[in-house]
Amino acid sequence: MDDLYTFIYRGLLTEESLDKAGRRRRHHFGTEEASKIREALSFEMLDPSALANAERMAIIYTAIHAFENTVRELVKKAMGEAYSSTWWSKVPDKVQKKSKSRMEDDAKFKWHGARGADEITYCDFGDLSSIIVTNWTQFQNILVDMEWAKAILNTLERSRNIIMHGGLLAREDVERIGMNIRDWIRQAG
């Protein structure tokens, strides 16, 4: 037991020493990195009022972005468990064609980073809802009510699109986003 205690204690001391020495955690985004990005993007040349609005909406977009990718992971997991490596063939043809076209377009522009490595990263937010609905038997034990799931995804997509196209959301919309994300996560995990 003393050996286990010593091992754990040394590990904690090592972690603390690494942090004090300036180790950067993998998922850490700090003010130093933010400052460098602002400088690279010439923030000082942009209208301060427009920047303030964008920064407010960026907080909301961050939550929606993380949620959207959580839904992508849910789709990949549920479909993969049901169909193994052939799950993409069960996605609606329209979604498959759009994703394939976008992947091909990305491949043409080698000078620019790609959106992702697999087909689902090329899907629109609404496409995720389409995949869930057309493969409902794979999701019904998790999400339970198809209309509820569609309504949440449609509402969040509307808010996402407003932000991504330069719009501003009202406080009520922000509260609705938070409620929808909480409800989904409580249901789907």
N, C-alpha and C. Protein backbone atom coordinates (compact mmCIF):
# COMPACT_ATOMS: atom_id res chain seq x y z
N MET A 1 0.81 -1.18 0.00
CA MET A 1 0.00 0.00 0.00
C MET A 1 0.87 1.26 0.00
N ASP A 2 1.98 1.23 0.74
CA ASP A 2 2.88 2.39 0.77
C ASP A 2 3.47 2.65 -0.60
N ASP A 3 3.77 1.59 -1.36
CA ASP A 3 4.32 1.76 -2.70
C ASP A 3 3.31 2.46 -3.62
N LEU A 4 2.05 2.10 -3.51
CA LEU A 4 1.01 2.72 -4.32
C LEU A 4 0.87 4.20 -3.95
N TYR A 5 0.84 4.50 -2.67
CA TYR A 5 0.75 5.87 -2.20
C TYR A 5 1.92 6.69 -2.72
N THR A 6 3.13 6.16 -2.61
CA THR A 6 4.34 6.85 -3.07
C THR A 6 4.27 7.10 -4.57
N PHE A 7 3.82 6.10 -5.33
CA PHE A 7 3.72 6.22 -6.78
C PHE A 7 2.75 7.35 -7.16
N ILE A 8 1.56 7.35 -6.54
CA ILE A 8 0.55 8.37 -6.84
C ILE A 8 1.06 9.75 -6.43
N TYR A 9 1.65 9.85 -5.26
CA TYR A 9 2.15 11.13 -4.77
C TYR A 9 3.23 11.69 -5.70
N ARG A 10 4.13 10.84 -6.15
CA ARG A 10 5.18 11.29 -7.09
C ARG A 10 4.56 11.78 -8.39
N GLY A 11 3.53 11.08 -8.84
CA GLY A 11 2.84 11.51 -10.06
C GLY A 11 2.22 12.88 -9.90
N LEU A 12 1.58 13.13 -8.78
CA LEU A 12 0.98 14.43 -8.52
C LEU A 12 2.03 15.53 -8.45
N LEU A 13 3.15 15.23 -7.80
CA LEU A 13 4.24 16.20 -7.72
C LEU A 13 4.80 16.51 -9.11
N THR A 14 4.92 15.48 -9.94
CA THR A 14 5.41 15.67 -11.30
C THR A 14 4.46 16.57 -12.09
N GLU A 15 3.14 16.31 -11.97
CA GLU A 15 2.14 17.13 -12.66
C GLU A 15 2.26 18.59 -12.21
N GLU A 16 2.37 18.80 -10.92
CA GLU A 16 2.48 20.15 -10.38
C GLU A 16 3.74 20.84 -10.89
N SER A 17 4.85 20.14 -10.93
CA SER A 17 6.11 20.71 -11.42
C SER A 17 6.01 21.08 -12.89
N LEU A 18 5.41 20.22 -13.68
CA LEU A 18 5.24 20.51 -15.10
C LEU A 18 4.37 21.74 -15.31
N ASP A 19 3.31 21.87 -14.53
CA ASP A 19 2.45 23.05 -14.64
C ASP A 19 3.20 24.32 -14.27
N LYS A 20 3.98 24.26 -13.20
CA LYS A 20 4.76 25.44 -12.77
C LYS A 20 5.81 25.82 -13.80
N ALA A 21 6.31 24.83 -14.54
CA ALA A 21 7.33 25.09 -15.55
C ALA A 21 6.73 25.64 -16.85
N GLY A 22 5.40 25.76 -16.88
CA GLY A 22 4.76 26.35 -18.06
C GLY A 22 4.20 25.35 -19.05
N ARG A 23 4.01 24.13 -18.62
CA ARG A 23 3.42 23.12 -19.52
C ARG A 23 2.06 23.60 -19.98
N ARG A 24 1.80 23.39 -21.25
CA ARG A 24 0.49 23.74 -21.81
C ARG A 24 -0.33 22.48 -21.94
N ARG A 25 -1.49 22.52 -21.41
CA ARG A 25 -2.41 21.39 -21.50
C ARG A 25 -2.98 21.32 -22.91
N ARG A 26 -3.32 20.14 -23.32
CA ARG A 26 -3.78 19.89 -24.69
C ARG A 26 -5.00 20.74 -25.07
N HIS A 27 -5.98 20.83 -24.20
CA HIS A 27 -7.22 21.53 -24.53
C HIS A 27 -7.27 22.94 -23.95
N HIS A 28 -6.12 23.49 -23.65
CA HIS A 28 -6.08 24.81 -23.05
C HIS A 28 -5.96 25.87 -24.14
N PHE A 29 -6.80 26.86 -24.06
CA PHE A 29 -6.72 28.01 -24.95
C PHE A 29 -6.67 29.23 -24.05
N GLY A 30 -5.52 29.86 -24.01
CA GLY A 30 -5.33 30.96 -23.07
C GLY A 30 -5.27 32.32 -23.73
N THR A 31 -5.06 33.33 -22.90
CA THR A 31 -5.04 34.71 -23.38
C THR A 31 -3.86 34.98 -24.30
N GLU A 32 -2.74 34.30 -24.05
CA GLU A 32 -1.56 34.50 -24.91
C GLU A 32 -1.87 34.04 -26.34
N GLU A 33 -2.46 32.87 -26.47
CA GLU A 33 -2.80 32.37 -27.81
C GLU A 33 -3.87 33.25 -28.46
N ALA A 34 -4.86 33.67 -27.66
CA ALA A 34 -5.91 34.55 -28.18
C ALA A 34 -5.31 35.86 -28.69
N SER A 35 -4.34 36.42 -27.97
CA SER A 35 -3.70 37.67 -28.39
C SER A 35 -2.97 37.50 -29.72
N LYS A 36 -2.29 36.38 -29.88
CA LYS A 36 -1.58 36.11 -31.14
C LYS A 36 -2.55 35.98 -32.30
N ILE A 37 -3.66 35.33 -32.06
CA ILE A 37 -4.66 35.18 -33.13
C ILE A 37 -5.27 36.53 -33.48
N ARG A 38 -5.60 37.33 -32.47
CA ARG A 38 -6.15 38.67 -32.73
C ARG A 38 -5.17 39.51 -33.56
N GLU A 39 -3.90 39.40 -33.23
CA GLU A 39 -2.88 40.14 -33.98
C GLU A 39 -2.80 39.65 -35.42
N ALA A 40 -2.81 38.34 -35.62
CA ALA A 40 -2.74 37.77 -36.97
C ALA A 40 -3.95 38.17 -37.81
N LEU A 41 -5.08 38.38 -37.15
CA LEU A 41 -6.32 38.73 -37.86
C LEU A 41 -6.54 40.24 -37.98
N SER A 42 -5.58 41.04 -37.54
CA SER A 42 -5.66 42.50 -37.64
C SER A 42 -6.88 43.07 -36.91
N PHE A 43 -7.14 42.56 -35.71
CA PHE A 43 -8.28 43.05 -34.92
C PHE A 43 -8.24 44.57 -34.75
N GLU A 44 -7.04 45.13 -34.62
CA GLU A 44 -6.92 46.56 -34.37
C GLU A 44 -7.49 47.40 -35.52
N MET A 45 -7.66 46.81 -36.68
CA MET A 45 -8.18 47.53 -37.84
C MET A 45 -9.71 47.43 -37.96
N LEU A 46 -10.31 46.59 -37.16
CA LEU A 46 -11.75 46.35 -37.27
C LEU A 46 -12.54 47.26 -36.32
N ASP A 47 -13.78 47.52 -36.67
CA ASP A 47 -14.66 48.36 -35.88
C ASP A 47 -14.88 47.76 -34.48
N PRO A 48 -14.58 48.51 -33.43
CA PRO A 48 -14.71 47.99 -32.06
C PRO A 48 -16.13 47.51 -31.71
N SER A 49 -17.14 48.20 -32.20
CA SER A 49 -18.52 47.81 -31.93
C SER A 49 -18.85 46.47 -32.60
N ALA A 50 -18.41 46.32 -33.84
CA ALA A 50 -18.63 45.05 -34.56
C ALA A 50 -17.87 43.92 -33.88
N LEU A 51 -16.66 44.20 -33.40
CA LEU A 51 -15.88 43.19 -32.69
C LEU A 51 -16.57 42.77 -31.39
N ALA A 52 -17.12 43.73 -30.66
CA ALA A 52 -17.80 43.42 -29.40
C ALA A 52 -19.00 42.51 -29.66
N ASN A 53 -19.79 42.83 -30.69
CA ASN A 53 -20.93 41.98 -31.03
C ASN A 53 -20.47 40.58 -31.44
N ALA A 54 -19.42 40.52 -32.24
CA ALA A 54 -18.90 39.23 -32.70
C ALA A 54 -18.39 38.39 -31.53
N GLU A 55 -17.71 39.05 -30.58
CA GLU A 55 -17.20 38.31 -29.43
C GLU A 55 -18.34 37.76 -28.56
N ARG A 56 -19.45 38.52 -28.45
CA ARG A 56 -20.61 38.01 -27.72
C ARG A 56 -21.19 36.79 -28.44
N MET A 57 -21.31 36.88 -29.75
CA MET A 57 -21.87 35.76 -30.51
C MET A 57 -20.90 34.58 -30.55
N ALA A 58 -19.61 34.86 -30.46
CA ALA A 58 -18.61 33.78 -30.49
C ALA A 58 -18.78 32.83 -29.30
N ILE A 59 -19.17 33.37 -28.16
CA ILE A 59 -19.40 32.52 -26.99
C ILE A 59 -20.54 31.55 -27.28
N ILE A 60 -21.59 32.05 -27.90
CA ILE A 60 -22.74 31.22 -28.24
C ILE A 60 -22.36 30.21 -29.31
N TYR A 61 -21.66 30.68 -30.33
CA TYR A 61 -21.24 29.77 -31.39
C TYR A 61 -20.34 28.66 -30.85
N THR A 62 -19.50 28.97 -29.89
CA THR A 62 -18.63 27.96 -29.30
C THR A 62 -19.46 26.81 -28.73
N ALA A 63 -20.53 27.15 -28.02
CA ALA A 63 -21.39 26.12 -27.45
C ALA A 63 -22.08 25.32 -28.55
N ILE A 64 -22.58 26.01 -29.56
CA ILE A 64 -23.27 25.30 -30.65
C ILE A 64 -22.29 24.43 -31.42
N HIS A 65 -21.09 24.94 -31.67
CA HIS A 65 -20.06 24.17 -32.38
C HIS A 65 -19.75 22.88 -31.62
N ALA A 66 -19.53 23.00 -30.32
CA ALA A 66 -19.24 21.81 -29.51
C ALA A 66 -20.43 20.85 -29.52
N PHE A 67 -21.63 21.38 -29.44
CA PHE A 67 -22.82 20.54 -29.48
C PHE A 67 -22.94 19.82 -30.82
N GLU A 68 -22.76 20.55 -31.91
CA GLU A 68 -22.85 19.97 -33.25
C GLU A 68 -21.89 18.79 -33.40
N ASN A 69 -20.68 18.96 -32.90
CA ASN A 69 -19.71 17.87 -33.01
C ASN A 69 -20.01 16.73 -32.05
N THR A 70 -20.69 17.02 -30.95
CA THR A 70 -21.17 15.96 -30.05
C THR A 70 -22.23 15.12 -30.77
N VAL A 71 -23.11 15.78 -31.51
CA VAL A 71 -24.14 15.06 -32.28
C VAL A 71 -23.47 14.23 -33.37
N ARG A 72 -22.46 14.78 -34.03
CA ARG A 72 -21.72 14.01 -35.05
C ARG A 72 -21.17 12.73 -34.44
N GLU A 73 -20.56 12.85 -33.25
CA GLU A 73 -20.00 11.67 -32.59
C GLU A 73 -21.09 10.67 -32.23
N LEU A 74 -22.24 11.15 -31.78
CA LEU A 74 -23.36 10.26 -31.48
C LEU A 74 -23.80 9.51 -32.73
N VAL A 75 -23.90 10.22 -33.84
CA VAL A 75 -24.30 9.59 -35.11
C VAL A 75 -23.27 8.54 -35.52
N LYS A 76 -22.00 8.90 -35.48
CA LYS A 76 -20.95 7.94 -35.86
C LYS A 76 -20.99 6.70 -34.98
N LYS A 77 -21.16 6.91 -33.68
CA LYS A 77 -21.16 5.78 -32.74
C LYS A 77 -22.37 4.87 -32.95
N ALA A 78 -23.56 5.46 -32.99
CA ALA A 78 -24.78 4.66 -33.13
C ALA A 78 -24.81 3.94 -34.48
N MET A 79 -24.45 4.65 -35.53
CA MET A 79 -24.46 4.03 -36.87
C MET A 79 -23.36 2.98 -36.99
N GLY A 80 -22.19 3.26 -36.42
CA GLY A 80 -21.09 2.29 -36.44
C GLY A 80 -21.43 1.02 -35.69
N GLU A 81 -22.11 1.17 -34.56
CA GLU A 81 -22.51 -0.02 -33.79
C GLU A 81 -23.53 -0.85 -34.55
N ALA A 82 -24.40 -0.18 -35.30
CA ALA A 82 -25.44 -0.90 -36.04
C ALA A 82 -24.93 -1.50 -37.35
N TYR A 83 -24.06 -0.78 -38.05
CA TYR A 83 -23.68 -1.19 -39.41
C TYR A 83 -22.18 -1.37 -39.61
N SER A 84 -21.42 -1.23 -38.57
CA SER A 84 -19.96 -1.37 -38.64
C SER A 84 -19.39 -0.36 -39.63
N SER A 85 -18.42 -0.78 -40.40
CA SER A 85 -17.72 0.15 -41.31
C SER A 85 -18.54 0.54 -42.53
N THR A 86 -19.69 -0.08 -42.74
CA THR A 86 -20.53 0.25 -43.91
C THR A 86 -21.63 1.25 -43.57
N TRP A 87 -21.56 1.87 -42.40
CA TRP A 87 -22.67 2.71 -41.95
C TRP A 87 -22.93 3.89 -42.87
N TRP A 88 -21.91 4.43 -43.51
CA TRP A 88 -22.11 5.60 -44.36
C TRP A 88 -23.06 5.29 -45.52
N SER A 89 -23.12 4.03 -45.95
CA SER A 89 -24.03 3.65 -47.05
C SER A 89 -25.50 3.75 -46.63
N LYS A 90 -25.78 3.86 -45.35
CA LYS A 90 -27.15 3.98 -44.83
C LYS A 90 -27.59 5.44 -44.71
N VAL A 91 -26.69 6.36 -45.01
CA VAL A 91 -27.00 7.79 -44.97
C VAL A 91 -27.77 8.15 -46.23
N PRO A 92 -28.75 9.06 -46.15
CA PRO A 92 -29.51 9.45 -47.35
C PRO A 92 -28.60 9.85 -48.51
N ASP A 93 -28.98 9.46 -49.71
CA ASP A 93 -28.18 9.72 -50.91
C ASP A 93 -27.83 11.20 -51.08
N LYS A 94 -28.80 12.06 -50.81
CA LYS A 94 -28.58 13.51 -50.95
C LYS A 94 -27.43 13.97 -50.05
N VAL A 95 -27.38 13.47 -48.83
CA VAL A 95 -26.33 13.83 -47.89
C VAL A 95 -25.00 13.26 -48.35
N GLN A 96 -25.00 12.02 -48.83
CA GLN A 96 -23.78 11.39 -49.32
C GLN A 96 -23.20 12.19 -50.48
N LYS A 97 -24.05 12.58 -51.42
CA LYS A 97 -23.59 13.32 -52.61
C LYS A 97 -23.02 14.68 -52.22
N LYS A 98 -23.70 15.37 -51.31
CA LYS A 98 -23.22 16.69 -50.87
C LYS A 98 -21.86 16.55 -50.19
N SER A 99 -21.72 15.59 -49.32
CA SER A 99 -20.46 15.38 -48.61
C SER A 99 -19.34 15.02 -49.58
N LYS A 100 -19.64 14.14 -50.51
CA LYS A 100 -18.63 13.73 -51.50
C LYS A 100 -18.19 14.92 -52.34
N SER A 101 -19.13 15.73 -52.77
CA SER A 101 -18.81 16.91 -53.57
C SER A 101 -17.93 17.88 -52.79
N ARG A 102 -18.24 18.09 -51.52
CA ARG A 102 -17.44 18.99 -50.70
C ARG A 102 -16.04 18.44 -50.46
N MET A 103 -15.93 17.14 -50.27
CA MET A 103 -14.61 16.52 -50.08
C MET A 103 -13.77 16.68 -51.34
N GLU A 104 -14.38 16.46 -52.49
CA GLU A 104 -13.67 16.62 -53.76
C GLU A 104 -13.24 18.06 -53.96
N ASP A 105 -14.10 18.99 -53.60
CA ASP A 105 -13.76 20.40 -53.72
C ASP A 105 -12.59 20.76 -52.81
N ASP A 106 -12.61 20.26 -51.57
CA ASP A 106 -11.50 20.50 -50.65
C ASP A 106 -10.19 19.95 -51.20
N ALA A 107 -10.26 18.78 -51.82
CA ALA A 107 -9.04 18.14 -52.34
C ALA A 107 -8.40 18.97 -53.45
N LYS A 108 -9.18 19.78 -54.16
CA LYS A 108 -8.64 20.62 -55.24
C LYS A 108 -7.74 21.74 -54.70
N PHE A 109 -8.05 22.20 -53.51
CA PHE A 109 -7.34 23.35 -52.94
C PHE A 109 -6.35 22.88 -51.89
N LYS A 110 -5.25 22.36 -52.37
CA LYS A 110 -4.24 21.79 -51.49
C LYS A 110 -3.57 22.83 -50.59
N TRP A 111 -3.65 24.10 -50.98
CA TRP A 111 -3.04 25.17 -50.21
C TRP A 111 -3.84 25.51 -48.96
N HIS A 112 -5.06 24.98 -48.88
CA HIS A 112 -5.93 25.30 -47.74
C HIS A 112 -6.28 24.04 -46.96
N GLY A 113 -6.37 24.15 -45.66
CA GLY A 113 -6.73 23.00 -44.83
C GLY A 113 -8.11 22.47 -45.18
N ALA A 114 -8.30 21.19 -44.98
CA ALA A 114 -9.58 20.55 -45.28
C ALA A 114 -10.51 20.66 -44.08
N ARG A 115 -11.78 20.50 -44.34
CA ARG A 115 -12.79 20.56 -43.29
C ARG A 115 -12.65 19.40 -42.32
N GLY A 116 -12.30 18.24 -42.84
CA GLY A 116 -12.18 17.07 -41.98
C GLY A 116 -11.63 15.88 -42.75
N ALA A 117 -11.61 14.74 -42.06
CA ALA A 117 -11.02 13.55 -42.65
C ALA A 117 -12.05 12.53 -43.13
N ASP A 118 -13.29 12.67 -42.66
CA ASP A 118 -14.30 11.70 -43.08
C ASP A 118 -15.58 12.41 -43.53
N GLU A 119 -16.45 11.63 -44.16
CA GLU A 119 -17.63 12.20 -44.80
C GLU A 119 -18.53 13.00 -43.86
N ILE A 120 -18.69 12.51 -42.65
CA ILE A 120 -19.64 13.17 -41.74
C ILE A 120 -19.19 14.59 -41.38
N THR A 121 -17.92 14.88 -41.45
CA THR A 121 -17.47 16.24 -41.15
C THR A 121 -17.86 17.23 -42.25
N TYR A 122 -18.29 16.71 -43.38
CA TYR A 122 -18.72 17.54 -44.49
C TYR A 122 -20.24 17.73 -44.52
N CYS A 123 -20.93 17.16 -43.55
CA CYS A 123 -22.38 17.31 -43.44
C CYS A 123 -22.74 18.63 -42.80
N ASP A 124 -23.85 19.21 -43.24
CA ASP A 124 -24.41 20.37 -42.57
C ASP A 124 -25.07 19.91 -41.27
N PHE A 125 -25.32 20.83 -40.39
CA PHE A 125 -25.99 20.53 -39.13
C PHE A 125 -27.33 19.83 -39.41
N GLY A 126 -28.09 20.36 -40.35
CA GLY A 126 -29.38 19.76 -40.70
C GLY A 126 -29.26 18.36 -41.25
N ASP A 127 -28.13 18.04 -41.87
CA ASP A 127 -27.92 16.69 -42.40
C ASP A 127 -27.85 15.67 -41.27
N LEU A 128 -27.36 16.08 -40.12
CA LEU A 128 -27.28 15.17 -38.98
C LEU A 128 -28.68 14.75 -38.56
N SER A 129 -29.60 15.70 -38.57
CA SER A 129 -31.00 15.40 -38.26
C SER A 129 -31.56 14.42 -39.28
N SER A 130 -31.26 14.64 -40.54
CA SER A 130 -31.72 13.75 -41.61
C SER A 130 -31.20 12.32 -41.43
N ILE A 131 -29.94 12.20 -41.05
CA ILE A 131 -29.36 10.87 -40.82
C ILE A 131 -30.07 10.18 -39.66
N ILE A 132 -30.31 10.93 -38.60
CA ILE A 132 -30.98 10.37 -37.42
C ILE A 132 -32.39 9.91 -37.77
N VAL A 133 -33.14 10.75 -38.48
CA VAL A 133 -34.53 10.44 -38.81
C VAL A 133 -34.62 9.22 -39.74
N THR A 134 -33.77 9.17 -40.76
CA THR A 134 -33.85 8.06 -41.71
C THR A 134 -33.32 6.75 -41.13
N ASN A 135 -32.63 6.82 -40.01
CA ASN A 135 -32.11 5.63 -39.33
C ASN A 135 -32.62 5.59 -37.89
N TRP A 136 -33.86 5.97 -37.69
CA TRP A 136 -34.42 6.16 -36.36
C TRP A 136 -34.25 4.94 -35.46
N THR A 137 -34.34 3.74 -36.01
CA THR A 137 -34.24 2.54 -35.15
C THR A 137 -32.90 2.49 -34.41
N GLN A 138 -31.87 3.12 -34.96
CA GLN A 138 -30.56 3.14 -34.30
C GLN A 138 -30.49 4.20 -33.19
N PHE A 139 -31.44 5.12 -33.16
CA PHE A 139 -31.40 6.23 -32.21
C PHE A 139 -32.57 6.24 -31.22
N GLN A 140 -33.59 5.45 -31.47
CA GLN A 140 -34.80 5.54 -30.64
C GLN A 140 -34.57 5.17 -29.18
N ASN A 141 -33.65 4.26 -28.91
CA ASN A 141 -33.37 3.92 -27.51
C ASN A 141 -32.63 5.04 -26.78
N ILE A 142 -31.93 5.87 -27.53
CA ILE A 142 -31.16 6.97 -26.93
C ILE A 142 -32.02 8.24 -26.85
N LEU A 143 -32.63 8.61 -27.97
CA LEU A 143 -33.33 9.89 -28.05
C LEU A 143 -34.82 9.78 -27.74
N VAL A 144 -35.39 8.60 -27.88
CA VAL A 144 -36.77 8.24 -27.52
C VAL A 144 -37.84 8.87 -28.42
N ASP A 145 -37.82 10.18 -28.61
CA ASP A 145 -38.88 10.87 -29.34
C ASP A 145 -38.29 11.58 -30.56
N MET A 146 -38.62 11.09 -31.75
CA MET A 146 -38.05 11.63 -32.98
C MET A 146 -38.41 13.09 -33.18
N GLU A 147 -39.65 13.46 -32.94
CA GLU A 147 -40.07 14.85 -33.16
C GLU A 147 -39.34 15.80 -32.21
N TRP A 148 -39.14 15.37 -31.00
CA TRP A 148 -38.38 16.17 -30.02
C TRP A 148 -36.95 16.39 -30.52
N ALA A 149 -36.30 15.31 -30.97
CA ALA A 149 -34.91 15.39 -31.45
C ALA A 149 -34.83 16.32 -32.66
N LYS A 150 -35.75 16.17 -33.61
CA LYS A 150 -35.77 17.04 -34.80
C LYS A 150 -35.96 18.50 -34.40
N ALA A 151 -36.87 18.75 -33.47
CA ALA A 151 -37.15 20.13 -33.06
C ALA A 151 -35.91 20.78 -32.44
N ILE A 152 -35.21 20.05 -31.59
CA ILE A 152 -34.01 20.61 -30.96
C ILE A 152 -32.95 20.91 -32.02
N LEU A 153 -32.69 19.95 -32.90
CA LEU A 153 -31.67 20.16 -33.92
C LEU A 153 -32.04 21.30 -34.86
N ASN A 154 -33.31 21.40 -35.24
CA ASN A 154 -33.75 22.47 -36.14
C ASN A 154 -33.62 23.84 -35.48
N THR A 155 -33.98 23.93 -34.20
CA THR A 155 -33.88 25.20 -33.47
C THR A 155 -32.42 25.63 -33.35
N LEU A 156 -31.56 24.70 -32.98
CA LEU A 156 -30.15 25.04 -32.83
C LEU A 156 -29.51 25.38 -34.18
N GLU A 157 -29.94 24.71 -35.24
CA GLU A 157 -29.41 25.04 -36.57
C GLU A 157 -29.79 26.46 -36.96
N ARG A 158 -31.02 26.86 -36.66
CA ARG A 158 -31.47 28.22 -36.98
C ARG A 158 -30.58 29.25 -36.26
N SER A 159 -30.34 29.03 -34.97
CA SER A 159 -29.49 29.95 -34.21
C SER A 159 -28.07 29.95 -34.75
N ARG A 160 -27.54 28.77 -35.06
CA ARG A 160 -26.19 28.65 -35.61
C ARG A 160 -26.06 29.46 -36.89
N ASN A 161 -27.04 29.32 -37.78
CA ASN A 161 -26.98 30.00 -39.07
C ASN A 161 -27.06 31.52 -38.92
N ILE A 162 -27.84 31.99 -37.97
CA ILE A 162 -27.92 33.43 -37.74
C ILE A 162 -26.55 33.96 -37.32
N ILE A 163 -25.91 33.28 -36.39
CA ILE A 163 -24.59 33.71 -35.93
C ILE A 163 -23.56 33.64 -37.05
N MET A 164 -23.55 32.55 -37.80
CA MET A 164 -22.54 32.36 -38.85
C MET A 164 -22.69 33.33 -40.01
N HIS A 165 -23.85 33.94 -40.13
CA HIS A 165 -24.05 34.89 -41.22
C HIS A 165 -24.16 36.32 -40.71
N GLY A 166 -23.47 36.57 -39.59
CA GLY A 166 -23.31 37.94 -39.11
C GLY A 166 -24.46 38.48 -38.29
N GLY A 167 -25.43 37.66 -37.96
CA GLY A 167 -26.57 38.14 -37.18
C GLY A 167 -26.29 38.12 -35.68
N LEU A 168 -27.21 38.73 -34.94
CA LEU A 168 -27.13 38.78 -33.49
C LEU A 168 -28.36 38.09 -32.91
N LEU A 169 -28.15 37.34 -31.85
CA LEU A 169 -29.26 36.65 -31.19
C LEU A 169 -29.72 37.43 -29.97
N ALA A 170 -31.02 37.40 -29.74
CA ALA A 170 -31.59 38.02 -28.55
C ALA A 170 -31.35 37.12 -27.34
N ARG A 171 -31.46 37.69 -26.17
CA ARG A 171 -31.24 36.94 -24.93
C ARG A 171 -32.15 35.71 -24.86
N GLU A 172 -33.41 35.85 -25.29
CA GLU A 172 -34.35 34.72 -25.27
C GLU A 172 -33.83 33.56 -26.14
N ASP A 173 -33.24 33.91 -27.28
CA ASP A 173 -32.68 32.88 -28.16
C ASP A 173 -31.51 32.17 -27.49
N VAL A 174 -30.68 32.94 -26.81
CA VAL A 174 -29.53 32.36 -26.11
C VAL A 174 -30.01 31.41 -25.01
N GLU A 175 -31.01 31.85 -24.27
CA GLU A 175 -31.56 30.99 -23.21
C GLU A 175 -32.15 29.71 -23.78
N ARG A 176 -32.81 29.83 -24.93
CA ARG A 176 -33.39 28.64 -25.59
C ARG A 176 -32.27 27.69 -26.03
N ILE A 177 -31.18 28.23 -26.54
CA ILE A 177 -30.05 27.40 -26.94
C ILE A 177 -29.54 26.61 -25.73
N GLY A 178 -29.33 27.31 -24.63
CA GLY A 178 -28.85 26.65 -23.42
C GLY A 178 -29.79 25.56 -22.95
N MET A 179 -31.09 25.85 -22.96
CA MET A 179 -32.08 24.87 -22.54
C MET A 179 -32.06 23.64 -23.45
N ASN A 180 -31.99 23.89 -24.76
CA ASN A 180 -31.99 22.77 -25.71
C ASN A 180 -30.74 21.90 -25.58
N ILE A 181 -29.59 22.54 -25.40
CA ILE A 181 -28.36 21.77 -25.23
C ILE A 181 -28.44 20.94 -23.94
N ARG A 182 -28.89 21.56 -22.86
CA ARG A 182 -29.02 20.82 -21.59
C ARG A 182 -29.98 19.65 -21.73
N ASP A 183 -31.12 19.87 -22.36
CA ASP A 183 -32.10 18.79 -22.52
C ASP A 183 -31.54 17.64 -23.34
N TRP A 184 -30.86 17.97 -24.44
CA TRP A 184 -30.28 16.93 -25.31
C TRP A 184 -29.24 16.11 -24.54
N ILE A 185 -28.36 16.80 -23.86
CA ILE A 185 -27.28 16.11 -23.15
C ILE A 185 -27.84 15.24 -22.01
N ARG A 186 -28.86 15.73 -21.33
CA ARG A 186 -29.49 14.91 -20.29
C ARG A 186 -30.10 13.65 -20.88
N GLN A 187 -30.64 13.76 -22.08
CA GLN A 187 -31.28 12.61 -22.72
C GLN A 187 -30.26 11.67 -23.37
N ALA A 188 -29.36 12.26 -24.16
CA ALA A 188 -28.45 11.45 -24.97
C ALA A 188 -27.12 11.13 -24.27
N GLY A 189 -26.83 11.87 -23.22
CA GLY A 189 -25.57 11.63 -22.50
C GLY A 189 -24.42 12.42 -23.04
